[in-house]
Amino acid sequence: MTEEKRREEIRSYVGRFVEAAHLEVTPLVRAEEDAFVIDLSGPDEDLLLDRRGELLESVQFILGKVLQKRFGPETRFLVDSANYRQGREREITEVARRSAERVKKLKEPFELSPMNPYERRLVHLALKDDRGVRTESDGDGFMRRVTIFPSQGNIK
């Protein structure tokens, strides 16, 4: 299946999903380097972004699971609205870097707040080249925590 056909099939499915959910948003689908990005725009954007994007994250989870059944588990899907993810990515990356500096200074592990899989991935990627720390995800379920540890040569 061509990329254009895949994008159209995704857009069609997401369109039916948001209609069934009585959300007034229009899905636009674009292919990026490692994922299909589904942008939802329209009058219900604020509803999706309320409470730090809680509904957006839920839609992301449901659509991701369903679409991966159709396109395979290796295919990533990101749902966004009003560029929320871009701002959230910057915020998480900054928290990761500040927390890593704290870990290096105090030489003690630091546990971040619970995060969804996408956010945890951002933390791991933000710190993967920092030789002074290492990261691990801990916990059960969807919302797990990332702990930042000092690297072996950087422990009290």
N, C-alpha and C. Protein backbone atom coordinates (compact mmCIF):
# COMPACT_ATOMS: atom_id res chain seq x y z
N MET A 1 0.85 -1.18 0.00
CA MET A 1 0.00 0.00 0.00
C MET A 1 0.90 1.24 0.00
N THR A 2 0.58 2.20 -0.86
CA THR A 2 1.39 3.41 -0.93
C THR A 2 1.17 4.26 0.32
N GLU A 3 2.12 5.14 0.56
CA GLU A 3 2.00 6.03 1.73
C GLU A 3 0.75 6.90 1.64
N GLU A 4 0.45 7.37 0.45
CA GLU A 4 -0.74 8.21 0.27
C GLU A 4 -2.01 7.43 0.61
N LYS A 5 -2.10 6.17 0.18
CA LYS A 5 -3.26 5.33 0.50
C LYS A 5 -3.34 5.08 2.01
N ARG A 6 -2.20 4.86 2.63
CA ARG A 6 -2.17 4.64 4.09
C ARG A 6 -2.67 5.89 4.81
N ARG A 7 -2.18 7.06 4.38
CA ARG A 7 -2.63 8.32 5.02
C ARG A 7 -4.13 8.50 4.85
N GLU A 8 -4.66 8.21 3.68
CA GLU A 8 -6.09 8.37 3.43
C GLU A 8 -6.91 7.38 4.27
N GLU A 9 -6.43 6.15 4.38
CA GLU A 9 -7.13 5.17 5.20
C GLU A 9 -7.13 5.58 6.68
N ILE A 10 -6.00 6.09 7.14
CA ILE A 10 -5.91 6.57 8.53
C ILE A 10 -6.87 7.73 8.73
N ARG A 11 -6.85 8.70 7.80
CA ARG A 11 -7.73 9.87 7.92
C ARG A 11 -9.19 9.46 7.93
N SER A 12 -9.55 8.52 7.10
CA SER A 12 -10.93 8.04 7.03
C SER A 12 -11.34 7.38 8.35
N TYR A 13 -10.49 6.52 8.88
CA TYR A 13 -10.81 5.85 10.14
C TYR A 13 -10.92 6.86 11.28
N VAL A 14 -9.95 7.76 11.36
CA VAL A 14 -9.97 8.76 12.44
C VAL A 14 -11.20 9.67 12.28
N GLY A 15 -11.57 9.99 11.05
CA GLY A 15 -12.78 10.79 10.82
C GLY A 15 -14.01 10.10 11.37
N ARG A 16 -14.14 8.79 11.14
CA ARG A 16 -15.28 8.05 11.69
C ARG A 16 -15.22 8.00 13.21
N PHE A 17 -14.02 7.86 13.75
CA PHE A 17 -13.84 7.81 15.21
C PHE A 17 -14.29 9.12 15.86
N VAL A 18 -13.81 10.26 15.36
CA VAL A 18 -14.17 11.54 15.99
C VAL A 18 -15.65 11.85 15.79
N GLU A 19 -16.22 11.40 14.69
CA GLU A 19 -17.65 11.60 14.47
C GLU A 19 -18.45 10.78 15.49
N ALA A 20 -18.06 9.53 15.71
CA ALA A 20 -18.75 8.68 16.68
C ALA A 20 -18.60 9.23 18.10
N ALA A 21 -17.47 9.90 18.36
CA ALA A 21 -17.21 10.49 19.68
C ALA A 21 -17.85 11.87 19.82
N HIS A 22 -18.53 12.33 18.76
CA HIS A 22 -19.19 13.64 18.75
C HIS A 22 -18.20 14.78 19.03
N LEU A 23 -17.00 14.63 18.47
CA LEU A 23 -15.99 15.68 18.57
C LEU A 23 -16.01 16.49 17.29
N GLU A 24 -16.02 17.80 17.43
CA GLU A 24 -16.00 18.68 16.26
C GLU A 24 -14.56 19.05 15.93
N VAL A 25 -13.88 18.09 15.31
CA VAL A 25 -12.51 18.30 14.85
C VAL A 25 -12.36 17.60 13.50
N THR A 26 -11.42 18.08 12.73
CA THR A 26 -11.13 17.50 11.42
C THR A 26 -9.72 16.91 11.47
N PRO A 27 -9.59 15.64 11.09
CA PRO A 27 -8.25 15.04 11.11
C PRO A 27 -7.47 15.32 9.82
N LEU A 28 -6.23 15.72 10.00
CA LEU A 28 -5.28 15.84 8.89
C LEU A 28 -4.14 14.88 9.23
N VAL A 29 -3.69 14.10 8.26
CA VAL A 29 -2.66 13.09 8.50
C VAL A 29 -1.44 13.41 7.64
N ARG A 30 -0.28 13.39 8.28
CA ARG A 30 0.96 13.57 7.54
C ARG A 30 1.96 12.50 8.01
N ALA A 31 2.82 12.12 7.12
CA ALA A 31 3.86 11.15 7.45
C ALA A 31 5.12 11.91 7.82
N GLU A 32 5.69 11.55 8.95
CA GLU A 32 6.98 12.10 9.36
C GLU A 32 7.99 10.98 9.33
N GLU A 33 9.19 11.29 9.72
CA GLU A 33 10.30 10.35 9.65
C GLU A 33 9.98 8.99 10.24
N ASP A 34 9.41 8.96 11.44
CA ASP A 34 9.20 7.67 12.11
C ASP A 34 7.77 7.46 12.59
N ALA A 35 6.82 8.27 12.11
CA ALA A 35 5.44 8.13 12.59
C ALA A 35 4.47 8.83 11.64
N PHE A 36 3.23 8.43 11.75
CA PHE A 36 2.15 9.18 11.12
C PHE A 36 1.61 10.14 12.18
N VAL A 37 1.53 11.41 11.84
CA VAL A 37 1.01 12.41 12.77
C VAL A 37 -0.41 12.75 12.35
N ILE A 38 -1.33 12.63 13.31
CA ILE A 38 -2.74 12.92 13.08
C ILE A 38 -3.05 14.20 13.82
N ASP A 39 -3.29 15.27 13.06
CA ASP A 39 -3.57 16.57 13.67
C ASP A 39 -5.08 16.78 13.67
N LEU A 40 -5.63 17.02 14.85
CA LEU A 40 -7.07 17.25 15.00
C LEU A 40 -7.29 18.74 15.23
N SER A 41 -8.00 19.38 14.29
CA SER A 41 -8.24 20.82 14.43
C SER A 41 -9.73 21.11 14.29
N GLY A 42 -10.19 22.10 15.04
CA GLY A 42 -11.59 22.49 14.97
C GLY A 42 -12.08 23.03 16.30
N PRO A 43 -13.37 23.25 16.41
CA PRO A 43 -13.95 23.87 17.61
C PRO A 43 -13.69 23.12 18.92
N ASP A 44 -13.49 21.80 18.87
CA ASP A 44 -13.27 21.04 20.10
C ASP A 44 -11.80 20.88 20.49
N GLU A 45 -10.91 21.65 19.86
CA GLU A 45 -9.49 21.59 20.23
C GLU A 45 -9.30 21.82 21.73
N ASP A 46 -9.97 22.84 22.26
CA ASP A 46 -9.81 23.16 23.69
C ASP A 46 -10.21 21.99 24.58
N LEU A 47 -11.24 21.27 24.18
CA LEU A 47 -11.68 20.10 24.94
C LEU A 47 -10.59 19.03 24.95
N LEU A 48 -9.95 18.82 23.81
CA LEU A 48 -8.87 17.84 23.73
C LEU A 48 -7.68 18.23 24.60
N LEU A 49 -7.44 19.52 24.73
CA LEU A 49 -6.24 19.99 25.43
C LEU A 49 -6.48 20.32 26.90
N ASP A 50 -7.72 20.28 27.33
CA ASP A 50 -8.06 20.57 28.72
C ASP A 50 -7.34 19.58 29.65
N ARG A 51 -7.02 20.04 30.84
CA ARG A 51 -6.37 19.21 31.87
C ARG A 51 -5.08 18.58 31.33
N ARG A 52 -4.21 19.45 30.78
CA ARG A 52 -2.89 19.06 30.27
C ARG A 52 -2.99 17.98 29.19
N GLY A 53 -4.00 18.10 28.33
CA GLY A 53 -4.11 17.20 27.19
C GLY A 53 -4.59 15.80 27.53
N GLU A 54 -5.33 15.68 28.63
CA GLU A 54 -5.78 14.36 29.08
C GLU A 54 -6.60 13.62 28.01
N LEU A 55 -7.58 14.31 27.41
CA LEU A 55 -8.39 13.66 26.38
C LEU A 55 -7.56 13.37 25.14
N LEU A 56 -6.67 14.27 24.77
CA LEU A 56 -5.79 14.04 23.63
C LEU A 56 -4.96 12.77 23.85
N GLU A 57 -4.45 12.59 25.04
CA GLU A 57 -3.66 11.39 25.36
C GLU A 57 -4.52 10.14 25.28
N SER A 58 -5.78 10.23 25.72
CA SER A 58 -6.68 9.08 25.64
C SER A 58 -6.98 8.72 24.19
N VAL A 59 -7.23 9.73 23.37
CA VAL A 59 -7.48 9.51 21.95
C VAL A 59 -6.23 8.89 21.31
N GLN A 60 -5.07 9.41 21.69
CA GLN A 60 -3.79 8.87 21.20
C GLN A 60 -3.68 7.38 21.52
N PHE A 61 -4.00 7.01 22.74
CA PHE A 61 -3.88 5.62 23.18
C PHE A 61 -4.82 4.72 22.38
N ILE A 62 -6.09 5.11 22.30
CA ILE A 62 -7.08 4.28 21.61
C ILE A 62 -6.76 4.15 20.12
N LEU A 63 -6.54 5.29 19.47
CA LEU A 63 -6.25 5.25 18.04
C LEU A 63 -4.95 4.48 17.76
N GLY A 64 -3.96 4.68 18.60
CA GLY A 64 -2.69 3.97 18.42
C GLY A 64 -2.88 2.47 18.43
N LYS A 65 -3.63 1.98 19.42
CA LYS A 65 -3.87 0.53 19.54
C LYS A 65 -4.63 -0.01 18.33
N VAL A 66 -5.70 0.69 17.95
CA VAL A 66 -6.54 0.23 16.85
C VAL A 66 -5.79 0.31 15.52
N LEU A 67 -5.12 1.41 15.27
CA LEU A 67 -4.41 1.57 14.00
C LEU A 67 -3.22 0.62 13.88
N GLN A 68 -2.58 0.30 15.01
CA GLN A 68 -1.47 -0.65 14.95
C GLN A 68 -1.95 -2.05 14.59
N LYS A 69 -3.19 -2.37 14.95
CA LYS A 69 -3.74 -3.67 14.53
C LYS A 69 -3.83 -3.73 13.00
N ARG A 70 -4.18 -2.62 12.39
CA ARG A 70 -4.34 -2.56 10.93
C ARG A 70 -3.00 -2.44 10.20
N PHE A 71 -2.10 -1.60 10.74
CA PHE A 71 -0.86 -1.29 10.03
C PHE A 71 0.38 -1.97 10.61
N GLY A 72 0.23 -2.67 11.71
CA GLY A 72 1.35 -3.37 12.33
C GLY A 72 1.92 -2.64 13.52
N PRO A 73 2.44 -3.40 14.48
CA PRO A 73 2.94 -2.81 15.73
C PRO A 73 4.16 -1.91 15.57
N GLU A 74 4.86 -2.06 14.45
CA GLU A 74 6.06 -1.23 14.23
C GLU A 74 5.70 0.17 13.74
N THR A 75 4.45 0.39 13.36
CA THR A 75 4.02 1.70 12.86
C THR A 75 3.61 2.58 14.03
N ARG A 76 4.22 3.76 14.13
CA ARG A 76 3.90 4.69 15.22
C ARG A 76 2.90 5.73 14.75
N PHE A 77 2.01 6.11 15.68
CA PHE A 77 1.01 7.14 15.41
C PHE A 77 1.07 8.17 16.52
N LEU A 78 1.05 9.44 16.17
CA LEU A 78 1.01 10.52 17.15
C LEU A 78 -0.22 11.37 16.85
N VAL A 79 -0.99 11.64 17.87
CA VAL A 79 -2.18 12.49 17.72
C VAL A 79 -1.85 13.83 18.35
N ASP A 80 -2.13 14.91 17.63
CA ASP A 80 -1.81 16.25 18.10
C ASP A 80 -2.97 17.18 17.81
N SER A 81 -2.98 18.31 18.49
CA SER A 81 -3.97 19.35 18.25
C SER A 81 -3.36 20.68 18.67
N ALA A 82 -3.48 21.67 17.80
CA ALA A 82 -2.98 23.03 18.08
C ALA A 82 -1.51 23.03 18.50
N ASN A 83 -0.71 22.15 17.89
CA ASN A 83 0.73 22.03 18.19
C ASN A 83 1.02 21.79 19.67
N TYR A 84 0.09 21.14 20.36
CA TYR A 84 0.27 20.84 21.79
C TYR A 84 1.53 20.00 22.02
N ARG A 85 1.73 18.99 21.19
CA ARG A 85 2.86 18.08 21.40
C ARG A 85 4.21 18.79 21.30
N GLN A 86 4.32 19.74 20.38
CA GLN A 86 5.59 20.45 20.22
C GLN A 86 5.95 21.19 21.51
N GLY A 87 4.98 21.88 22.10
CA GLY A 87 5.23 22.56 23.37
C GLY A 87 5.52 21.59 24.49
N ARG A 88 4.78 20.50 24.52
CA ARG A 88 4.98 19.47 25.56
C ARG A 88 6.35 18.81 25.40
N GLU A 89 6.77 18.58 24.17
CA GLU A 89 8.09 17.99 23.94
C GLU A 89 9.19 18.89 24.49
N ARG A 90 9.08 20.19 24.22
CA ARG A 90 10.07 21.14 24.76
C ARG A 90 10.07 21.11 26.28
N GLU A 91 8.88 21.10 26.87
CA GLU A 91 8.76 21.10 28.32
C GLU A 91 9.39 19.84 28.93
N ILE A 92 9.09 18.68 28.38
CA ILE A 92 9.63 17.42 28.91
C ILE A 92 11.14 17.36 28.73
N THR A 93 11.62 17.78 27.59
CA THR A 93 13.06 17.79 27.34
C THR A 93 13.78 18.69 28.33
N GLU A 94 13.20 19.84 28.61
CA GLU A 94 13.81 20.77 29.58
C GLU A 94 13.80 20.18 30.99
N VAL A 95 12.69 19.56 31.39
CA VAL A 95 12.61 18.91 32.70
C VAL A 95 13.67 17.81 32.79
N ALA A 96 13.82 17.03 31.73
CA ALA A 96 14.81 15.95 31.72
C ALA A 96 16.22 16.51 31.90
N ARG A 97 16.53 17.57 31.19
CA ARG A 97 17.89 18.14 31.28
C ARG A 97 18.16 18.76 32.64
N ARG A 98 17.18 19.49 33.18
CA ARG A 98 17.36 20.08 34.53
C ARG A 98 17.50 18.99 35.58
N SER A 99 16.70 17.93 35.45
CA SER A 99 16.77 16.82 36.40
C SER A 99 18.11 16.10 36.29
N ALA A 100 18.63 15.95 35.08
CA ALA A 100 19.94 15.31 34.89
C ALA A 100 21.04 16.14 35.55
N GLU A 101 20.95 17.46 35.43
CA GLU A 101 21.94 18.32 36.09
C GLU A 101 21.89 18.14 37.60
N ARG A 102 20.69 18.04 38.12
CA ARG A 102 20.51 17.82 39.57
C ARG A 102 21.14 16.49 39.99
N VAL A 103 20.89 15.45 39.20
CA VAL A 103 21.44 14.12 39.50
C VAL A 103 22.97 14.16 39.48
N LYS A 104 23.54 14.83 38.50
CA LYS A 104 25.00 14.91 38.42
C LYS A 104 25.58 15.71 39.59
N LYS A 105 24.89 16.76 39.99
CA LYS A 105 25.36 17.60 41.10
C LYS A 105 25.27 16.87 42.44
N LEU A 106 24.11 16.25 42.71
CA LEU A 106 23.88 15.59 44.00
C LEU A 106 24.37 14.14 44.02
N LYS A 107 24.64 13.59 42.82
CA LYS A 107 25.08 12.20 42.68
C LYS A 107 24.07 11.22 43.30
N GLU A 108 22.79 11.55 43.16
CA GLU A 108 21.69 10.71 43.66
C GLU A 108 20.63 10.57 42.56
N PRO A 109 19.99 9.39 42.49
CA PRO A 109 18.93 9.21 41.49
C PRO A 109 17.76 10.17 41.73
N PHE A 110 17.04 10.46 40.65
CA PHE A 110 15.86 11.32 40.74
C PHE A 110 14.75 10.69 39.90
N GLU A 111 13.57 10.54 40.53
CA GLU A 111 12.43 9.92 39.86
C GLU A 111 11.48 11.01 39.37
N LEU A 112 11.15 10.96 38.08
CA LEU A 112 10.22 11.92 37.49
C LEU A 112 8.78 11.49 37.73
N SER A 113 7.85 12.38 37.52
CA SER A 113 6.43 12.08 37.66
C SER A 113 6.01 11.02 36.65
N PRO A 114 4.88 10.34 36.89
CA PRO A 114 4.41 9.34 35.92
C PRO A 114 4.20 9.97 34.54
N MET A 115 4.56 9.21 33.52
CA MET A 115 4.46 9.69 32.13
C MET A 115 3.93 8.57 31.24
N ASN A 116 3.30 8.97 30.15
CA ASN A 116 2.86 7.98 29.17
C ASN A 116 4.08 7.53 28.36
N PRO A 117 3.93 6.48 27.55
CA PRO A 117 5.09 5.94 26.81
C PRO A 117 5.78 6.98 25.91
N TYR A 118 5.03 7.82 25.25
CA TYR A 118 5.62 8.83 24.37
C TYR A 118 6.50 9.80 25.16
N GLU A 119 6.01 10.26 26.31
CA GLU A 119 6.77 11.20 27.13
C GLU A 119 8.02 10.54 27.70
N ARG A 120 7.89 9.29 28.13
CA ARG A 120 9.07 8.58 28.64
C ARG A 120 10.13 8.45 27.55
N ARG A 121 9.70 8.17 26.35
CA ARG A 121 10.63 8.06 25.22
C ARG A 121 11.37 9.37 25.02
N LEU A 122 10.66 10.49 25.15
CA LEU A 122 11.30 11.80 25.00
C LEU A 122 12.40 12.00 26.04
N VAL A 123 12.15 11.58 27.29
CA VAL A 123 13.16 11.73 28.34
C VAL A 123 14.39 10.88 27.99
N HIS A 124 14.15 9.61 27.62
CA HIS A 124 15.28 8.73 27.27
C HIS A 124 16.09 9.32 26.11
N LEU A 125 15.40 9.83 25.09
CA LEU A 125 16.10 10.41 23.94
C LEU A 125 16.85 11.69 24.31
N ALA A 126 16.26 12.51 25.16
CA ALA A 126 16.90 13.77 25.56
C ALA A 126 18.21 13.53 26.30
N LEU A 127 18.29 12.41 27.01
CA LEU A 127 19.47 12.16 27.86
C LEU A 127 20.38 11.05 27.35
N LYS A 128 20.07 10.47 26.20
CA LYS A 128 20.83 9.31 25.73
C LYS A 128 22.31 9.63 25.49
N ASP A 129 22.64 10.85 25.14
CA ASP A 129 24.04 11.20 24.87
C ASP A 129 24.74 11.85 26.08
N ASP A 130 24.05 11.98 27.19
CA ASP A 130 24.63 12.56 28.40
C ASP A 130 25.36 11.44 29.16
N ARG A 131 26.66 11.44 29.12
CA ARG A 131 27.45 10.37 29.72
C ARG A 131 27.44 10.41 31.25
N GLY A 132 26.94 11.49 31.82
CA GLY A 132 26.91 11.60 33.28
C GLY A 132 25.71 10.96 33.93
N VAL A 133 24.73 10.53 33.11
CA VAL A 133 23.51 9.92 33.66
C VAL A 133 23.06 8.76 32.77
N ARG A 134 22.17 7.95 33.35
CA ARG A 134 21.48 6.92 32.60
C ARG A 134 20.02 6.93 33.06
N THR A 135 19.12 6.43 32.22
CA THR A 135 17.69 6.47 32.54
C THR A 135 17.10 5.06 32.50
N GLU A 136 16.08 4.86 33.34
CA GLU A 136 15.33 3.61 33.36
C GLU A 136 13.87 3.92 33.61
N SER A 137 12.98 3.18 32.96
CA SER A 137 11.55 3.29 33.24
C SER A 137 11.19 2.24 34.28
N ASP A 138 10.37 2.64 35.25
CA ASP A 138 9.96 1.75 36.34
C ASP A 138 8.45 1.82 36.51
N GLY A 139 7.90 0.75 37.06
CA GLY A 139 6.47 0.74 37.37
C GLY A 139 5.69 -0.17 36.46
N ASP A 140 4.40 -0.23 36.73
CA ASP A 140 3.50 -1.08 35.96
C ASP A 140 2.47 -0.22 35.26
N GLY A 141 1.93 -0.74 34.19
CA GLY A 141 0.84 -0.07 33.51
C GLY A 141 1.30 1.00 32.53
N PHE A 142 0.33 1.77 32.11
CA PHE A 142 0.53 2.78 31.07
C PHE A 142 1.38 3.95 31.57
N MET A 143 1.06 4.48 32.73
CA MET A 143 1.76 5.65 33.27
C MET A 143 2.88 5.18 34.20
N ARG A 144 4.06 5.02 33.65
CA ARG A 144 5.22 4.60 34.42
C ARG A 144 6.11 5.80 34.67
N ARG A 145 7.13 5.62 35.50
CA ARG A 145 8.05 6.70 35.85
C ARG A 145 9.42 6.44 35.25
N VAL A 146 10.09 7.52 34.93
CA VAL A 146 11.49 7.44 34.50
C VAL A 146 12.33 7.89 35.69
N THR A 147 13.35 7.08 35.99
CA THR A 147 14.31 7.45 37.02
C THR A 147 15.62 7.76 36.32
N ILE A 148 16.22 8.88 36.72
CA ILE A 148 17.52 9.30 36.17
C ILE A 148 18.56 8.95 37.22
N PHE A 149 19.55 8.17 36.84
CA PHE A 149 20.61 7.73 37.74
C PHE A 149 21.94 8.37 37.33
N PRO A 150 22.80 8.62 38.31
CA PRO A 150 24.15 9.04 37.92
C PRO A 150 24.84 7.84 37.25
N SER A 151 25.66 8.11 36.25
CA SER A 151 26.37 7.00 35.60
C SER A 151 27.37 6.41 36.60
N GLN A 152 27.86 5.22 36.31
CA GLN A 152 28.70 4.49 37.24
C GLN A 152 29.86 5.30 37.81
N GLY A 153 30.53 6.08 37.01
CA GLY A 153 31.66 6.85 37.48
C GLY A 153 31.26 8.15 38.19
N ASN A 154 29.96 8.37 38.37
CA ASN A 154 29.47 9.63 38.90
C ASN A 154 28.60 9.42 40.15
N ILE A 155 28.88 8.34 40.92
CA ILE A 155 28.08 8.01 42.11
C ILE A 155 28.88 8.34 43.36
N LYS A 156 28.15 8.79 44.40
CA LYS A 156 28.80 9.08 45.68
C LYS A 156 29.46 7.86 46.25
